[in-house]
Amino acid sequence: MNAHATTLAIIGGTGLYQLDGLEVESRVPVADTPWGAPSGEVISGRYGTRHVLFLARHGAQHTLAPHAVNYRANLWLLQHLGAQEVLGINSVGGIRADLPPRVLALPDQIIDYTWGREGSYGGVQGTPVRHIDFAEPYSASLRARLFAAARTTGVDLREGGCYGCTQGPRLETAAEIARLRRDGCAMVGMTGMPEAALARELGLDYACVAILANWAAGCDPEPYAVTLDEVQANVAAASTALGLLLAQFLQTA
């Protein structure tokens, strides 16, 4: 086991409710944390030589809307169970022309358009306010290792640029997406924040692997109405590449 063989947590998004290839050792049932209840049970196991934790962000039956996810409980629990690194798997809509459905991308920046979400552990329950450095929201070392795994496997992992995080659960209007494009966003999703910021507060290395599940409003050359069935079908179609990427990443990390 090499120097990077730390406990990794994977948070699965829409369409990813289990981790294929994980040798399950135990299941941590849903229980309250100091921040309330997490999204669901945490599956603990091994993937090769790595100790891996897995949590479905929206619950096993996709019952939690993006704004209703208890991000604070999720991240706290994963760290409490030993996680030092976290990969967030997020289904997103493509804004940039080279990010069509069924590809994978690795964003390096984020803009938070959400509101009303509990976005910090500081300033509540007697804890001090913390002003974290968030200029670079994703771990450079995790991103570099993911790109290295992609090169080894031949997986097409695209430099994703900026992730625009909206409130949801509705999809965006074409005008809203036009605004995000003007702001420099390459993709749009609903779960990137406050997850990334909370991980930083806890001192966890965090990166996002984005699955392009659909075109964002107004970006498809042939406009159509996005459905959850289509999103899940596109996520399933990308699952082979995601599995290869994660397998290589876990073998070499």
Protein backbone atom coordinates (compact mmCIF):
# COMPACT_ATOMS: atom_id res chain seq x y z
CA MET A 1 0.00 0.00 0.00
CA ASN A 2 1.52 3.31 -1.03
CA ALA A 3 1.63 6.74 0.58
CA HIS A 4 -1.75 7.70 -0.90
CA ALA A 5 -3.58 4.65 0.52
CA THR A 6 -5.94 6.65 2.71
CA THR A 7 -9.63 6.08 3.21
CA LEU A 8 -11.64 7.43 0.30
CA ALA A 9 -15.32 8.31 0.38
CA ILE A 10 -17.40 8.34 -2.80
CA ILE A 11 -20.69 10.24 -2.81
CA GLY A 12 -22.94 8.98 -5.59
CA GLY A 13 -25.33 11.33 -7.36
CA THR A 14 -28.36 10.81 -9.58
CA GLY A 15 -28.30 7.32 -11.06
CA LEU A 16 -25.37 6.10 -8.92
CA TYR A 17 -26.81 4.38 -5.86
CA GLN A 18 -24.19 1.67 -5.43
CA LEU A 19 -20.53 1.20 -6.31
CA ASP A 20 -19.85 -1.76 -8.58
CA GLY A 21 -16.70 -3.65 -7.63
CA LEU A 22 -16.84 -2.69 -3.96
CA GLU A 23 -16.28 -5.67 -1.65
CA VAL A 24 -18.78 -4.80 1.06
CA GLU A 25 -17.56 -5.32 4.62
CA SER A 26 -20.20 -3.48 6.62
CA ARG A 27 -23.12 -1.11 6.38
CA VAL A 28 -23.41 1.84 8.74
CA PRO A 29 -27.15 2.39 9.30
CA VAL A 30 -28.77 5.80 9.15
CA ALA A 31 -28.36 7.54 12.49
CA ASP A 32 -28.39 11.12 13.66
CA THR A 33 -25.12 13.02 13.69
CA PRO A 34 -24.53 16.31 15.55
CA TRP A 35 -25.88 17.88 12.33
CA GLY A 36 -28.94 15.69 11.89
CA ALA A 37 -29.57 12.63 9.74
CA PRO A 38 -27.41 11.85 6.66
CA SER A 39 -28.83 10.85 3.29
CA GLY A 40 -28.73 7.15 4.06
CA GLU A 41 -26.56 4.25 5.13
CA VAL A 42 -22.83 4.32 4.46
CA ILE A 43 -21.42 1.22 2.79
CA SER A 44 -17.91 0.38 3.95
CA GLY A 45 -15.67 -2.01 2.06
CA ARG A 46 -12.55 -2.58 0.03
CA TYR A 47 -11.77 -1.85 -3.57
CA GLY A 48 -8.48 -3.60 -4.18
CA THR A 49 -6.17 -2.34 -1.46
CA ARG A 50 -8.25 0.73 -0.68
CA HIS A 51 -10.70 1.19 2.16
CA VAL A 52 -13.69 2.88 0.53
CA LEU A 53 -16.88 4.39 1.91
CA PHE A 54 -19.91 4.92 -0.29
CA LEU A 55 -22.96 7.12 0.31
CA ALA A 56 -25.84 7.81 -2.07
CA ARG A 57 -26.38 11.58 -1.90
CA HIS A 58 -30.09 11.47 -2.72
CA GLY A 59 -30.80 8.31 -0.73
CA ALA A 60 -31.03 4.77 -2.06
CA GLN A 61 -34.39 5.47 -3.72
CA HIS A 62 -33.61 9.04 -4.83
CA THR A 63 -36.01 10.56 -2.32
CA LEU A 64 -33.97 13.67 -1.40
CA ALA A 65 -34.11 16.75 -3.61
CA PRO A 66 -30.84 18.70 -3.99
CA HIS A 67 -31.88 21.45 -1.57
CA ALA A 68 -33.06 18.86 0.98
CA VAL A 69 -29.79 16.91 1.20
CA ASN A 70 -28.16 17.26 4.62
CA TYR A 71 -24.69 18.00 3.29
CA ARG A 72 -23.32 18.82 6.74
CA ALA A 73 -24.36 15.44 8.17
CA ASN A 74 -23.05 13.57 5.14
CA LEU A 75 -19.57 15.08 5.19
CA TRP A 76 -19.28 14.95 8.99
CA LEU A 77 -20.25 11.26 9.06
CA LEU A 78 -17.83 10.30 6.30
CA GLN A 79 -14.97 12.00 8.10
CA HIS A 80 -16.09 10.44 11.40
CA LEU A 81 -15.85 7.02 9.71
CA GLY A 82 -12.29 7.74 8.62
CA ALA A 83 -12.51 9.41 5.22
CA GLN A 84 -9.62 11.69 4.32
CA GLU A 85 -10.45 12.08 0.63
CA VAL A 86 -13.86 12.53 -0.99
CA LEU A 87 -14.98 12.14 -4.60
CA GLY A 88 -18.34 13.67 -5.36
CA ILE A 89 -20.01 12.09 -8.41
CA ASN A 90 -22.42 14.67 -9.79
CA SER A 91 -24.85 14.45 -12.71
CA VAL A 92 -24.85 17.74 -14.59
CA GLY A 93 -26.11 19.47 -17.71
CA GLY A 94 -23.67 20.52 -20.40
CA ILE A 95 -23.39 24.20 -21.31
CA ARG A 96 -20.09 24.20 -23.18
CA ALA A 97 -20.26 22.73 -26.69
CA ASP A 98 -17.69 19.99 -25.98
CA LEU A 99 -19.65 18.64 -22.99
CA PRO A 100 -22.48 16.60 -24.52
CA PRO A 101 -24.44 13.92 -22.66
CA ARG A 102 -22.64 10.70 -21.66
CA VAL A 103 -19.13 12.14 -21.24
CA LEU A 104 -17.20 12.66 -17.99
CA ALA A 105 -15.68 15.95 -16.90
CA LEU A 106 -13.53 17.23 -14.06
CA PRO A 107 -14.40 20.82 -13.06
CA ASP A 108 -11.81 23.09 -11.52
CA GLN A 109 -14.03 25.97 -10.36
CA ILE A 110 -17.54 26.51 -9.03
CA ILE A 111 -20.06 29.34 -8.78
CA ASP A 112 -22.75 28.96 -6.12
CA TYR A 113 -26.23 30.16 -7.16
CA THR A 114 -28.05 28.33 -4.35
CA TRP A 115 -29.78 29.91 -1.36
CA GLY A 116 -31.00 28.84 2.07
CA ARG A 117 -28.74 25.81 2.37
CA GLU A 118 -26.71 25.20 5.52
CA GLY A 119 -23.29 25.92 4.12
CA SER A 120 -20.96 25.95 7.12
CA TYR A 121 -20.17 24.21 10.38
CA GLY A 122 -19.10 27.53 11.87
CA GLY A 123 -21.11 29.97 13.93
CA VAL A 124 -23.63 27.41 15.24
CA GLN A 125 -23.74 25.19 18.33
CA GLY A 126 -21.02 27.29 19.89
CA THR A 127 -18.50 26.64 17.12
CA PRO A 128 -16.26 29.49 15.94
CA VAL A 129 -16.85 31.14 12.57
CA ARG A 130 -14.36 29.95 9.96
CA HIS A 131 -13.35 31.83 6.83
CA ILE A 132 -11.80 29.10 4.70
CA ASP A 133 -9.62 29.77 1.68
CA PHE A 134 -11.80 28.60 -1.21
CA ALA A 135 -10.04 30.21 -4.17
CA GLU A 136 -9.36 26.74 -5.59
CA PRO A 137 -12.39 24.68 -4.51
CA TYR A 138 -11.16 21.28 -5.71
CA SER A 139 -8.08 19.34 -4.64
CA ALA A 140 -5.30 19.74 -7.20
CA SER A 141 -3.72 16.42 -6.18
CA LEU A 142 -6.97 14.46 -6.54
CA ARG A 143 -7.65 16.02 -9.92
CA ALA A 144 -4.13 15.20 -11.12
CA ARG A 145 -4.50 11.57 -10.05
CA LEU A 146 -7.88 11.31 -11.76
CA PHE A 147 -6.45 12.69 -15.00
CA ALA A 148 -3.54 10.23 -14.72
CA ALA A 149 -6.01 7.36 -14.28
CA ALA A 150 -7.94 8.57 -17.33
CA ARG A 151 -4.78 8.61 -19.46
CA THR A 152 -3.87 5.08 -18.36
CA THR A 153 -7.30 3.65 -19.14
CA GLY A 154 -8.05 5.75 -22.22
CA VAL A 155 -11.18 7.17 -20.58
CA ASP A 156 -12.23 10.48 -22.11
CA LEU A 157 -12.18 12.72 -19.01
CA ARG A 158 -12.62 16.31 -20.08
CA GLU A 159 -11.31 19.43 -18.41
CA GLY A 160 -14.67 20.70 -17.26
CA GLY A 161 -13.95 24.28 -16.24
CA CYS A 162 -16.55 25.92 -14.02
CA TYR A 163 -19.52 24.17 -12.39
CA GLY A 164 -22.55 26.41 -11.86
CA CYS A 165 -24.58 25.13 -8.90
CA THR A 166 -28.27 26.06 -8.97
CA GLN A 167 -30.99 25.53 -6.38
CA GLY A 168 -33.25 23.01 -8.08
CA PRO A 169 -35.09 20.76 -7.98
CA ARG A 170 -36.54 22.21 -11.19
CA LEU A 171 -34.31 22.49 -14.22
CA GLU A 172 -33.19 25.93 -15.37
CA THR A 173 -34.75 28.23 -17.94
CA ALA A 174 -32.92 28.96 -21.17
CA ALA A 175 -32.39 32.53 -19.94
CA GLU A 176 -30.82 31.28 -16.71
CA ILE A 177 -28.45 29.04 -18.65
CA ALA A 178 -27.56 31.97 -20.92
CA ARG A 179 -26.62 33.89 -17.78
CA LEU A 180 -24.51 30.99 -16.50
CA ARG A 181 -22.74 30.85 -19.85
CA ARG A 182 -21.98 34.59 -19.62
CA ASP A 183 -20.64 33.96 -16.11
CA GLY A 184 -18.23 31.40 -17.53
CA CYS A 185 -19.92 28.17 -16.45
CA ALA A 186 -19.20 25.06 -18.51
CA MET A 187 -21.82 22.89 -16.80
CA VAL A 188 -24.74 23.19 -14.44
CA GLY A 189 -25.79 21.00 -11.52
CA MET A 190 -27.66 21.22 -8.23
CA THR A 191 -25.46 19.42 -5.68
CA GLY A 192 -21.93 20.79 -5.98
CA MET A 193 -22.49 23.24 -3.14
CA PRO A 194 -22.25 23.39 -0.21
CA GLU A 195 -20.66 19.94 -0.41
CA ALA A 196 -17.31 21.20 -1.68
CA ALA A 197 -17.09 24.01 0.88
CA LEU A 198 -18.02 21.77 3.80
CA ALA A 199 -15.34 19.29 2.77
CA ARG A 200 -12.82 22.13 2.82
CA GLU A 201 -13.96 23.20 6.30
CA LEU A 202 -13.34 19.67 7.53
CA GLY A 203 -9.90 19.53 5.92
CA LEU A 204 -10.92 16.81 3.45
CA ASP A 205 -9.40 16.58 -0.01
CA TYR A 206 -12.35 16.86 -2.39
CA ALA A 207 -12.89 16.61 -6.12
CA CYS A 208 -15.94 16.32 -8.38
CA VAL A 209 -16.32 13.86 -11.24
CA ALA A 210 -19.19 15.18 -13.34
CA ILE A 211 -21.34 12.91 -15.49
CA LEU A 212 -22.91 14.87 -18.34
CA ALA A 213 -26.50 13.66 -18.10
CA ASN A 214 -28.20 16.09 -20.51
CA TRP A 215 -27.78 19.33 -22.37
CA ALA A 216 -28.63 22.40 -20.32
CA ALA A 217 -31.66 24.41 -21.50
CA GLY A 218 -31.07 26.04 -24.86
CA CYS A 219 -27.75 24.27 -25.47
CA ASP A 220 -28.91 21.24 -27.45
CA PRO A 221 -28.84 21.70 -31.23
CA GLU A 222 -32.20 19.90 -31.27
CA PRO A 223 -34.21 21.23 -28.30
CA TYR A 224 -36.22 18.71 -26.31
CA ALA A 225 -37.77 18.31 -22.86
CA VAL A 226 -35.41 16.62 -20.42
CA THR A 227 -36.87 13.73 -18.42
CA LEU A 228 -35.53 11.89 -15.39
CA ASP A 229 -35.64 8.64 -17.38
CA GLU A 230 -33.36 10.16 -20.01
CA VAL A 231 -30.98 11.54 -17.37
CA GLN A 232 -30.72 8.13 -15.73
CA ALA A 233 -30.21 6.44 -19.12
CA ASN A 234 -27.35 8.80 -19.94
CA VAL A 235 -25.78 8.25 -16.52
CA ALA A 236 -26.06 4.48 -17.03
CA ALA A 237 -24.42 4.80 -20.45
CA ALA A 238 -21.48 6.64 -18.88
CA SER A 239 -21.15 4.12 -16.06
CA THR A 240 -18.68 1.88 -17.93
CA ALA A 241 -16.21 4.71 -18.39
CA LEU A 242 -16.76 5.86 -14.82
CA GLY A 243 -16.12 2.34 -13.54
CA LEU A 244 -12.87 2.06 -15.49
CA LEU A 245 -11.75 5.46 -14.23
CA LEU A 246 -12.53 4.71 -10.60
CA ALA A 247 -10.96 1.23 -10.75
CA GLN A 248 -7.67 2.63 -12.08
CA PHE A 249 -7.76 5.56 -9.67
CA LEU A 250 -8.31 3.25 -6.71
CA GLN A 251 -5.56 0.87 -7.80
CA THR A 252 -2.94 3.59 -8.03
CA ALA A 253 -4.05 6.01 -5.30
